[in-house]
PDB file of N, CA and C in Angstrom:
ATOM      1  N   MET A   1     267.419 159.013   2.014  1.00  0.00           N
ATOM      2  CA  MET A   1     265.982 159.811   1.873  1.00  0.00           C
ATOM      3  C   MET A   1     265.934 160.557   0.630  1.00  0.00           C
ATOM      4  N   TYR A   2     264.783 160.360   0.199  1.00  0.00           N
ATOM      5  CA  TYR A   2     264.005 161.047  -0.993  1.00  0.00           C
ATOM      6  C   TYR A   2     263.693 162.052  -0.852  1.00  0.00           C
ATOM      7  N   PRO A   3     264.147 163.192  -1.751  1.00  0.00           N
ATOM      8  CA  PRO A   3     263.848 164.533  -1.432  1.00  0.00           C
ATOM      9  C   PRO A   3     261.898 164.734  -1.381  1.00  0.00           C
ATOM     10  N   SER A   4     261.254 163.705  -1.899  1.00  0.00           N
ATOM     11  CA  SER A   4     259.917 164.370  -1.061  1.00  0.00           C
ATOM     12  C   SER A   4     259.328 163.853   0.057  1.00  0.00           C
ATOM     13  N   GLU A   5     260.046 163.043   0.462  1.00  0.00           N
ATOM     14  CA  GLU A   5     260.232 162.341   1.855  1.00  0.00           C
ATOM     15  C   GLU A   5     260.523 163.585   2.995  1.00  0.00           C
ATOM     16  N   ARG A   6     261.608 164.224   2.640  1.00  0.00           N
ATOM     17  CA  ARG A   6     262.207 165.378   3.202  1.00  0.00           C
ATOM     18  C   ARG A   6     261.170 166.888   3.439  1.00  0.00           C
ATOM     19  N   ARG A   7     260.513 166.979   2.409  1.00  0.00           N
ATOM     20  CA  ARG A   7     259.460 167.977   2.102  1.00  0.00           C
ATOM     21  C   ARG A   7     258.227 167.494   3.143  1.00  0.00           C
ATOM     22  N   ASP A   8     257.804 166.467   3.129  1.00  0.00           N
ATOM     23  CA  ASP A   8     256.827 166.068   4.094  1.00  0.00           C
ATOM     24  C   ASP A   8     257.535 166.227   5.834  1.00  0.00           C
ATOM     25  N   GLU A   9     258.561 165.943   5.632  1.00  0.00           N
ATOM     26  CA  GLU A   9     259.161 166.097   7.172  1.00  0.00           C
ATOM     27  C   GLU A   9     259.275 167.328   7.472  1.00  0.00           C
ATOM     28  N   ASP A  10     259.569 168.169   6.613  1.00  0.00           N
ATOM     29  CA  ASP A  10     260.128 169.559   6.999  1.00  0.00           C
ATOM     30  C   ASP A  10     258.535 170.432   7.188  1.00  0.00           C
ATOM     31  N   GLY A  11     257.395 169.799   6.734  1.00  0.00           N
ATOM     32  CA  GLY A  11     256.030 170.605   7.009  1.00  0.00           C
ATOM     33  C   GLY A  11     255.895 171.466   5.537  1.00  0.00           C
ATOM     34  N   GLU A  12     256.631 171.448   4.769  1.00  0.00           N
ATOM     35  CA  GLU A  12     256.234 172.080   3.194  1.00  0.00           C
ATOM     36  C   GLU A  12     255.212 171.194   2.483  1.00  0.00           C
ATOM     37  N   HIS A  13     254.583 171.943   1.762  1.00  0.00           N
ATOM     38  CA  HIS A  13     253.445 171.215   0.995  1.00  0.00           C
ATOM     39  C   HIS A  13     253.447 172.178  -0.251  1.00  0.00           C
ATOM     40  N   GLY A  14     253.063 171.322  -1.101  1.00  0.00           N
ATOM     41  CA  GLY A  14     252.867 172.048  -2.542  1.00  0.00           C
ATOM     42  C   GLY A  14     252.130 172.892  -2.679  1.00  0.00           C
ATOM     43  N   PRO A  15     252.315 173.909  -4.013  1.00  0.00           N
ATOM     44  CA  PRO A  15     251.675 174.789  -4.471  1.00  0.00           C
ATOM     45  C   PRO A  15     249.927 174.753  -4.589  1.00  0.00           C
ATOM     46  N   ILE A  16     249.599 173.504  -4.827  1.00  0.00           N
ATOM     47  CA  ILE A  16     248.095 173.417  -4.842  1.00  0.00           C
ATOM     48  C   ILE A  16     247.613 173.199  -3.507  1.00  0.00           C
ATOM     49  N   TYR A  17     248.191 172.504  -2.645  1.00  0.00           N
ATOM     50  CA  TYR A  17     247.836 172.448  -1.257  1.00  0.00           C
ATOM     51  C   TYR A  17     247.680 173.667  -0.529  1.00  0.00           C
ATOM     52  N   MET A  18     248.790 174.354  -0.655  1.00  0.00           N
ATOM     53  CA  MET A  18     248.897 176.010  -0.172  1.00  0.00           C
ATOM     54  C   MET A  18     247.743 176.815  -0.827  1.00  0.00           C
ATOM     55  N   ALA A  19     247.471 176.767  -1.923  1.00  0.00           N
ATOM     56  CA  ALA A  19     246.662 177.396  -2.439  1.00  0.00           C
ATOM     57  C   ALA A  19     245.083 177.147  -2.032  1.00  0.00           C
ATOM     58  N   ILE A  20     244.893 175.837  -1.918  1.00  0.00           N
ATOM     59  CA  ILE A  20     243.745 175.444  -1.255  1.00  0.00           C
ATOM     60  C   ILE A  20     243.560 175.592   0.393  1.00  0.00           C
ATOM     61  N   GLU A  21     244.747 175.645   1.043  1.00  0.00           N
ATOM     62  CA  GLU A  21     244.532 175.818   2.648  1.00  0.00           C
ATOM     63  C   GLU A  21     244.431 177.702   2.607  1.00  0.00           C
ATOM     64  N   ARG A  22     244.850 178.370   1.819  1.00  0.00           N
ATOM     65  CA  ARG A  22     244.274 179.871   1.670  1.00  0.00           C
ATOM     66  C   ARG A  22     243.202 180.157   1.112  1.00  0.00           C
ATOM     67  N   ALA A  23     242.831 179.447   0.194  1.00  0.00           N
ATOM     68  CA  ALA A  23     241.184 179.761   0.126  1.00  0.00           C
ATOM     69  C   ALA A  23     240.348 179.249   1.100  1.00  0.00           C
ATOM     70  N   LEU A  24     240.373 178.200   1.964  1.00  0.00           N
ATOM     71  CA  LEU A  24     239.590 177.597   2.740  1.00  0.00           C
ATOM     72  C   LEU A  24     239.653 178.835   4.212  1.00  0.00           C
ATOM     73  N   TRP A  25     240.694 179.455   4.190  1.00  0.00           N
ATOM     74  CA  TRP A  25     241.186 180.554   5.422  1.00  0.00           C
ATOM     75  C   TRP A  25     240.434 181.639   5.146  1.00  0.00           C
ATOM     76  N   ALA A  26     240.253 181.993   3.617  1.00  0.00           N
ATOM     77  CA  ALA A  26     239.454 182.656   3.581  1.00  0.00           C
ATOM     78  C   ALA A  26     238.087 182.723   3.316  1.00  0.00           C
ATOM     79  N   LEU A  27     237.602 181.719   3.183  1.00  0.00           N
ATOM     80  CA  LEU A  27     236.181 181.467   2.712  1.00  0.00           C
ATOM     81  C   LEU A  27     235.602 181.281   4.036  1.00  0.00           C
ATOM     82  N   GLY A  28     236.082 180.568   4.924  1.00  0.00           N
ATOM     83  CA  GLY A  28     235.616 180.060   6.551  1.00  0.00           C
ATOM     84  C   GLY A  28     234.921 181.382   6.831  1.00  0.00           C
ATOM     85  N   PRO A  29     235.701 182.283   7.326  1.00  0.00           N
ATOM     86  CA  PRO A  29     235.211 183.574   7.932  1.00  0.00           C
ATOM     87  C   PRO A  29     233.933 184.405   7.183  1.00  0.00           C
ATOM     88  N   ALA A  30     234.019 184.070   5.844  1.00  0.00           N
ATOM     89  CA  ALA A  30     233.266 184.607   4.919  1.00  0.00           C
ATOM     90  C   ALA A  30     231.791 183.704   5.342  1.00  0.00           C
ATOM     91  N   LEU A  31     231.552 182.831   5.140  1.00  0.00           N
ATOM     92  CA  LEU A  31     230.762 181.582   5.279  1.00  0.00           C
ATOM     93  C   LEU A  31     230.271 182.111   6.779  1.00  0.00           C
ATOM     94  N   LEU A  32     230.909 182.158   7.790  1.00  0.00           N
ATOM     95  CA  LEU A  32     230.163 182.505   9.062  1.00  0.00           C
ATOM     96  C   LEU A  32     229.578 184.295   9.020  1.00  0.00           C
ATOM     97  N   LEU A  33     230.204 184.954   8.094  1.00  0.00           N
ATOM     98  CA  LEU A  33     229.319 185.893   8.320  1.00  0.00           C
ATOM     99  C   LEU A  33     228.057 185.950   7.747  1.00  0.00           C
ATOM    100  N   PHE A  34     228.414 185.037   6.293  1.00  0.00           N
ATOM    101  CA  PHE A  34     226.684 185.083   5.812  1.00  0.00           C
ATOM    102  C   PHE A  34     226.048 184.261   6.362  1.00  0.00           C
ATOM    103  N   MET A  35     226.071 183.697   7.348  1.00  0.00           N
ATOM    104  CA  MET A  35     225.280 182.807   8.307  1.00  0.00           C
ATOM    105  C   MET A  35     225.001 183.830   9.145  1.00  0.00           C
ATOM    106  N   VAL A  36     225.578 184.497   9.758  1.00  0.00           N
ATOM    107  CA  VAL A  36     225.006 185.733  10.958  1.00  0.00           C
ATOM    108  C   VAL A  36     224.345 186.598  10.185  1.00  0.00           C
ATOM    109  N   LEU A  37     224.540 187.197   9.221  1.00  0.00           N
ATOM    110  CA  LEU A  37     223.702 188.308   8.452  1.00  0.00           C
ATOM    111  C   LEU A  37     222.038 187.398   8.101  1.00  0.00           C
ATOM    112  N   GLY A  38     222.341 186.258   7.569  1.00  0.00           N
ATOM    113  CA  GLY A  38     221.118 185.297   7.306  1.00  0.00           C
ATOM    114  C   GLY A  38     220.328 185.319   8.377  1.00  0.00           C
ATOM    115  N   GLN A  39     220.603 185.185   9.642  1.00  0.00           N
ATOM    116  CA  GLN A  39     220.005 184.630  10.906  1.00  0.00           C
ATOM    117  C   GLN A  39     219.522 185.949  10.997  1.00  0.00           C
ATOM    118  N   LEU A  40     220.193 187.379  11.005  1.00  0.00           N
ATOM    119  CA  LEU A  40     219.463 188.547  11.754  1.00  0.00           C
ATOM    120  C   LEU A  40     218.700 188.936  10.686  1.00  0.00           C
ATOM    121  N   SER A  41     218.669 188.720   9.347  1.00  0.00           N
ATOM    122  CA  SER A  41     217.612 188.671   8.282  1.00  0.00           C
ATOM    123  C   SER A  41     216.247 188.077   8.689  1.00  0.00           C
ATOM    124  N   THR A  42     216.555 187.031   8.726  1.00  0.00           N
ATOM    125  CA  THR A  42     215.434 186.318   9.111  1.00  0.00           C
ATOM    126  C   THR A  42     214.690 186.248  10.111  1.00  0.00           C
ATOM    127  N   GLN A  43     215.166 186.862  11.199  1.00  0.00           N
ATOM    128  CA  GLN A  43     214.800 187.200  12.721  1.00  0.00           C
ATOM    129  C   GLN A  43     214.159 188.535  12.314  1.00  0.00           C
ATOM    130  N   ALA A  44     214.459 189.610  11.695  1.00  0.00           N
ATOM    131  CA  ALA A  44     213.881 190.487  11.422  1.00  0.00           C
ATOM    132  C   ALA A  44     212.814 190.528  10.700  1.00  0.00           C
ATOM    133  N   SER A  45     212.796 189.742   9.520  1.00  0.00           N
ATOM    134  CA  SER A  45     211.243 189.250   8.717  1.00  0.00           C
ATOM    135  C   SER A  45     210.358 188.881   9.550  1.00  0.00           C
ATOM    136  N   ARG A  46     211.004 187.690  10.372  1.00  0.00           N
ATOM    137  CA  ARG A  46     209.763 187.047  11.092  1.00  0.00           C
ATOM    138  C   ARG A  46     209.302 188.188  12.443  1.00  0.00           C
ATOM    139  N   GLN A  47     210.073 188.771  12.796  1.00  0.00           N
ATOM    140  CA  GLN A  47     209.372 190.047  13.682  1.00  0.00           C
ATOM    141  C   GLN A  47     208.402 191.089  13.153  1.00  0.00           C
ATOM    142  N   GLN A  48     208.500 191.334  12.090  1.00  0.00           N
ATOM    143  CA  GLN A  48     207.787 192.100  10.743  1.00  0.00           C
ATOM    144  C   GLN A  48     206.678 191.087  10.717  1.00  0.00           C
ATOM    145  N   ALA A  49     206.706 190.155  10.357  1.00  0.00           N
ATOM    146  CA  ALA A  49     205.538 189.626  10.054  1.00  0.00           C
ATOM    147  C   ALA A  49     204.803 189.306  11.150  1.00  0.00           C
ATOM    148  N   ASP A  50     205.107 189.107  12.452  1.00  0.00           N
ATOM    149  CA  ASP A  50     204.172 189.187  13.692  1.00  0.00           C
ATOM    150  C   ASP A  50     203.638 190.309  14.075  1.00  0.00           C
ATOM    151  N   ALA A  51     204.394 191.709  13.830  1.00  0.00           N
ATOM    152  CA  ALA A  51     203.833 192.937  13.914  1.00  0.00           C
ATOM    153  C   ALA A  51     202.464 193.297  12.891  1.00  0.00           C
ATOM    154  N   ASP A  52     202.836 192.572  11.491  1.00  0.00           N
ATOM    155  CA  ASP A  52     202.009 192.946  10.584  1.00  0.00           C
ATOM    156  C   ASP A  52     200.516 191.748  11.154  1.00  0.00           C
ATOM    157  N   LEU A  53     200.711 190.794  11.526  1.00  0.00           N
ATOM    158  CA  LEU A  53     199.580 189.965  11.805  1.00  0.00           C
ATOM    159  C   LEU A  53     198.969 190.711  12.886  1.00  0.00           C
ATOM    160  N   ALA A  54     199.584 191.134  14.187  1.00  0.00           N
ATOM    161  CA  ALA A  54     198.651 191.981  15.194  1.00  0.00           C
ATOM    162  C   ALA A  54     198.476 193.054  14.730  1.00  0.00           C
ATOM    163  N   MET A  55     198.645 193.807  13.650  1.00  0.00           N
ATOM    164  CA  MET A  55     197.683 194.876  13.463  1.00  0.00           C
ATOM    165  C   MET A  55     196.726 194.445  12.503  1.00  0.00           C
ATOM    166  N   LYS A  56     196.661 193.040  11.564  1.00  0.00           N
ATOM    167  CA  LYS A  56     195.923 192.711  10.890  1.00  0.00           C
ATOM    168  C   LYS A  56     194.827 192.257  12.157  1.00  0.00           C
ATOM    169  N   ILE A  57     194.997 191.821  13.069  1.00  0.00           N
ATOM    170  CA  ILE A  57     193.812 191.157  13.882  1.00  0.00           C
ATOM    171  C   ILE A  57     193.564 192.032  14.645  1.00  0.00           C
ATOM    172  N   ALA A  58     194.051 193.136  15.150  1.00  0.00           N
ATOM    173  CA  ALA A  58     193.630 194.432  15.749  1.00  0.00           C
ATOM    174  C   ALA A  58     192.752 195.346  14.799  1.00  0.00           C
ATOM    175  N   SER A  59     192.826 195.353  13.714  1.00  0.00           N
ATOM    176  CA  SER A  59     191.853 195.766  12.625  1.00  0.00           C
ATOM    177  C   SER A  59     190.790 195.166  12.389  1.00  0.00           C
ATOM    178  N   GLU A  60     190.681 193.633  12.277  1.00  0.00           N
ATOM    179  CA  GLU A  60     189.663 192.941  12.181  1.00  0.00           C
ATOM    180  C   GLU A  60     188.569 192.762  13.537  1.00  0.00           C
ATOM    181  N   ASN A  61     189.085 192.847  14.933  1.00  0.00           N
ATOM    182  CA  ASN A  61     188.864 192.942  15.986  1.00  0.00           C
ATOM    183  C   ASN A  61     187.749 194.582  15.955  1.00  0.00           C
ATOM    184  N   LEU A  62     188.455 195.453  15.662  1.00  0.00           N
ATOM    185  CA  LEU A  62     187.713 196.594  15.335  1.00  0.00           C
ATOM    186  C   LEU A  62     186.743 197.051  14.371  1.00  0.00           C
ATOM    187  N   ALA A  63     187.050 196.182  13.288  1.00  0.00           N
ATOM    188  CA  ALA A  63     185.875 196.035  12.289  1.00  0.00           C
ATOM    189  C   ALA A  63     184.442 195.168  12.858  1.00  0.00           C
ATOM    190  N   PHE A  64     184.660 193.989  13.476  1.00  0.00           N
ATOM    191  CA  PHE A  64     184.097 193.057  14.243  1.00  0.00           C
ATOM    192  C   PHE A  64     183.241 193.580  15.096  1.00  0.00           C
ATOM    193  N   CYS A  65     183.542 194.687  15.985  1.00  0.00           N
ATOM    194  CA  CYS A  65     182.718 195.328  16.713  1.00  0.00           C
ATOM    195  C   CYS A  65     181.826 196.475  16.130  1.00  0.00           C
ATOM    196  N   SER A  66     182.588 197.395  15.078  1.00  0.00           N
ATOM    197  CA  SER A  66     181.590 198.083  14.559  1.00  0.00           C
ATOM    198  C   SER A  66     180.721 197.452  13.609  1.00  0.00           C
ATOM    199  N   ASN A  67     180.755 196.308  13.131  1.00  0.00           N
ATOM    200  CA  ASN A  67     179.592 195.596  12.262  1.00  0.00           C
ATOM    201  C   ASN A  67     178.657 195.225  13.267  1.00  0.00           C
ATOM    202  N   TRP A  68     178.592 195.046  14.318  1.00  0.00           N
ATOM    203  CA  TRP A  68     177.565 194.697  15.113  1.00  0.00           C
ATOM    204  C   TRP A  68     176.813 196.223  16.125  1.00  0.00           C
ATOM    205  N   GLY A  69     177.110 197.093  15.327  1.00  0.00           N
ATOM    206  CA  GLY A  69     176.483 198.639  15.588  1.00  0.00           C
ATOM    207  C   GLY A  69     176.995 199.031  16.673  1.00  0.00           C
ATOM    208  N   ILE A  70     177.942 198.574  17.162  1.00  0.00           N
ATOM    209  CA  ILE A  70     178.699 199.819  18.335  1.00  0.00           C
ATOM    210  C   ILE A  70     179.485 200.591  17.703  1.00  0.00           C
ATOM    211  N   PRO A  71     179.373 201.934  18.151  1.00  0.00           N
ATOM    212  CA  PRO A  71     179.935 203.057  17.997  1.00  0.00           C
ATOM    213  C   PRO A  71     181.316 202.746  18.237  1.00  0.00           C
ATOM    214  N   ALA A  72     182.392 203.243  17.494  1.00  0.00           N
ATOM    215  CA  ALA A  72     183.694 203.399  17.568  1.00  0.00           C
ATOM    216  C   ALA A  72     184.214 204.178  18.516  1.00  0.00           C
ATOM    217  N   GLY A  73     184.915 204.012  19.632  1.00  0.00           N
ATOM    218  CA  GLY A  73     185.436 204.989  20.434  1.00  0.00           C
ATOM    219  C   GLY A  73     184.411 205.139  21.937  1.00  0.00           C
ATOM    220  N   SER A  74     183.498 204.270  21.612  1.00  0.00           N
ATOM    221  CA  SER A  74     182.288 204.192  22.962  1.00  0.00           C
ATOM    222  C   SER A  74     182.968 203.281  23.874  1.00  0.00           C
ATOM    223  N   ALA A  75     182.677 203.362  25.241  1.00  0.00           N
ATOM    224  CA  ALA A  75     183.067 202.497  25.903  1.00  0.00           C
ATOM    225  C   ALA A  75     182.448 200.750  25.691  1.00  0.00           C
ATOM    226  N   GLU A  76     181.462 200.593  25.252  1.00  0.00           N
ATOM    227  CA  GLU A  76     180.787 199.525  24.621  1.00  0.00           C
ATOM    228  C   GLU A  76     181.882 198.831  23.537  1.00  0.00           C
ATOM    229  N   HIS A  77     182.405 199.947  22.918  1.00  0.00           N
ATOM    230  CA  HIS A  77     183.094 199.286  21.654  1.00  0.00           C
ATOM    231  C   HIS A  77     184.484 198.810  22.432  1.00  0.00           C
ATOM    232  N   ALA A  78     185.356 199.446  23.189  1.00  0.00           N
ATOM    233  CA  ALA A  78     186.379 199.060  23.769  1.00  0.00           C
ATOM    234  C   ALA A  78     186.198 197.947  24.659  1.00  0.00           C
ATOM    235  N   SER A  79     185.099 197.519  25.266  1.00  0.00           N
ATOM    236  CA  SER A  79     184.999 196.263  26.131  1.00  0.00           C
ATOM    237  C   SER A  79     184.528 195.327  25.099  1.00  0.00           C
ATOM    238  N   CYS A  80     183.880 195.330  23.961  1.00  0.00           N
ATOM    239  CA  CYS A  80     183.835 194.284  22.895  1.00  0.00           C
ATOM    240  C   CYS A  80     185.061 194.079  22.020  1.00  0.00           C
ATOM    241  N   VAL A  81     186.086 195.087  22.232  1.00  0.00           N
ATOM    242  CA  VAL A  81     187.310 194.872  21.380  1.00  0.00           C
ATOM    243  C   VAL A  81     188.157 193.822  22.644  1.00  0.00           C
ATOM    244  N   LEU A  82     188.122 194.262  23.965  1.00  0.00           N
ATOM    245  CA  LEU A  82     188.850 193.553  25.105  1.00  0.00           C
ATOM    246  C   LEU A  82     188.261 192.031  24.783  1.00  0.00           C
ATOM    247  N   ASP A  83     187.077 192.208  24.999  1.00  0.00           N
ATOM    248  CA  ASP A  83     186.404 190.665  25.184  1.00  0.00           C
ATOM    249  C   ASP A  83     186.667 189.655  23.693  1.00  0.00           C
ATOM    250  N   LEU A  84     186.763 190.357  22.592  1.00  0.00           N
ATOM    251  CA  LEU A  84     187.388 189.896  21.411  1.00  0.00           C
ATOM    252  C   LEU A  84     188.704 189.490  21.498  1.00  0.00           C
ATOM    253  N   THR A  85     189.602 190.303  22.037  1.00  0.00           N
ATOM    254  CA  THR A  85     190.869 189.728  22.310  1.00  0.00           C
ATOM    255  C   THR A  85     191.013 188.612  23.378  1.00  0.00           C
ATOM    256  N   GLY A  86     190.251 188.748  24.187  1.00  0.00           N
ATOM    257  CA  GLY A  86     190.576 187.656  25.159  1.00  0.00           C
ATOM    258  C   GLY A  86     189.894 186.340  24.766  1.00  0.00           C
ATOM    259  N   ILE A  87     188.958 186.047  24.022  1.00  0.00           N
ATOM    260  CA  ILE A  87     188.506 185.322  23.368  1.00  0.00           C
ATOM    261  C   ILE A  87     189.500 184.436  22.138  1.00  0.00           C
ATOM    262  N   ARG A  88     190.064 185.441  21.249  1.00  0.00           N
ATOM    263  CA  ARG A  88     191.116 184.765  20.512  1.00  0.00           C
ATOM    264  C   ARG A  88     192.209 184.405  21.545  1.00  0.00           C
ATOM    265  N   ALA A  89     192.889 184.760  22.047  1.00  0.00           N
ATOM    266  CA  ALA A  89     193.945 184.613  23.126  1.00  0.00           C
ATOM    267  C   ALA A  89     193.728 183.191  23.719  1.00  0.00           C
ATOM    268  N   ARG A  90     192.425 182.835  24.376  1.00  0.00           N
ATOM    269  CA  ARG A  90     191.982 181.790  24.873  1.00  0.00           C
ATOM    270  C   ARG A  90     191.975 180.831  23.848  1.00  0.00           C
ATOM    271  N   ALA A  91     191.500 180.967  22.832  1.00  0.00           N
ATOM    272  CA  ALA A  91     191.701 179.847  21.510  1.00  0.00           C
ATOM    273  C   ALA A  91     192.806 179.612  21.092  1.00  0.00           C
ATOM    274  N   GLU A  92     193.624 180.463  20.968  1.00  0.00           N
ATOM    275  CA  GLU A  92     195.009 180.351  20.598  1.00  0.00           C
ATOM    276  C   GLU A  92     195.999 179.199  21.661  1.00  0.00           C
ATOM    277  N   GLN A  93     195.435 179.545  22.868  1.00  0.00           N
ATOM    278  CA  GLN A  93     196.110 178.833  23.753  1.00  0.00           C
ATOM    279  C   GLN A  93     195.724 177.703  24.011  1.00  0.00           C
ATOM    280  N   ARG A  94     194.519 177.270  23.745  1.00  0.00           N
ATOM    281  CA  ARG A  94     193.944 175.646  23.596  1.00  0.00           C
ATOM    282  C   ARG A  94     194.632 174.819  22.434  1.00  0.00           C
ATOM    283  N   VAL A  95     195.040 175.851  21.543  1.00  0.00           N
ATOM    284  CA  VAL A  95     195.518 175.368  20.058  1.00  0.00           C
ATOM    285  C   VAL A  95     196.780 174.681  20.510  1.00  0.00           C
ATOM    286  N   ARG A  96     197.547 175.697  21.121  1.00  0.00           N
ATOM    287  CA  ARG A  96     198.679 175.510  21.983  1.00  0.00           C
ATOM    288  C   ARG A  96     198.974 174.414  22.722  1.00  0.00           C
ATOM    289  N   ASP A  97     198.199 174.379  23.789  1.00  0.00           N
ATOM    290  CA  ASP A  97     198.090 172.974  24.576  1.00  0.00           C
ATOM    291  C   ASP A  97     197.855 171.788  23.831  1.00  0.00           C
ATOM    292  N   GLU A  98     196.976 171.925  22.907  1.00  0.00           N
ATOM    293  CA  GLU A  98     196.926 170.454  22.037  1.00  0.00           C
ATOM    294  C   GLU A  98     197.991 170.374  21.160  1.00  0.00           C
ATOM    295  N   VAL A  99     198.415 171.021  20.687  1.00  0.00           N
ATOM    296  CA  VAL A  99     199.779 170.502  20.063  1.00  0.00           C
ATOM    297  C   VAL A  99     200.958 170.288  21.080  1.00  0.00           C
ATOM    298  N   ALA A 100     201.125 171.021  22.010  1.00  0.00           N
ATOM    299  CA  ALA A 100     202.153 170.562  23.332  1.00  0.00           C
ATOM    300  C   ALA A 100     201.737 169.164  23.474  1.00  0.00           C
ATOM    301  N   SER A 101     200.441 168.866  23.956  1.00  0.00           N
ATOM    302  CA  SER A 101     200.405 167.323  24.609  1.00  0.00           C
ATOM    303  C   SER A 101     200.297 166.289  23.293  1.00  0.00           C
ATOM    304  N   ARG A 102     200.423 166.744  22.226  1.00  0.00           N
ATOM    305  CA  ARG A 102     200.815 165.455  21.234  1.00  0.00           C
ATOM    306  C   ARG A 102     202.602 165.360  21.001  1.00  0.00           C
ATOM    307  N   PHE A 103     203.048 166.427  22.003  1.00  0.00           N
ATOM    308  CA  PHE A 103     204.392 165.916  21.633  1.00  0.00           C
ATOM    309  C   PHE A 103     204.756 165.181  23.562  1.00  0.00           C
TER     310      PHE A 103
END
């Protein structure tokens, strides 16, 4: 029996193999950590974008009703904003339904 065969039977490996194994054990958890942090960052930025879009749409709704001469803060203005919000919601639902029907 040769010494190299006995080393394999004993479960011992060379220094290069051991260095690679240690590096993989060190990099594996680090990779998982970076993936989790990236997912959290992506989720936070998506939520911020959704909030920004909602604020922009609300501002457009208020401006639209004011452009039609309805004084801000009045009951008519609130009714106009609610109607406009409903119109937008129904339009978005139609688009979602159309996209879903294609799949």
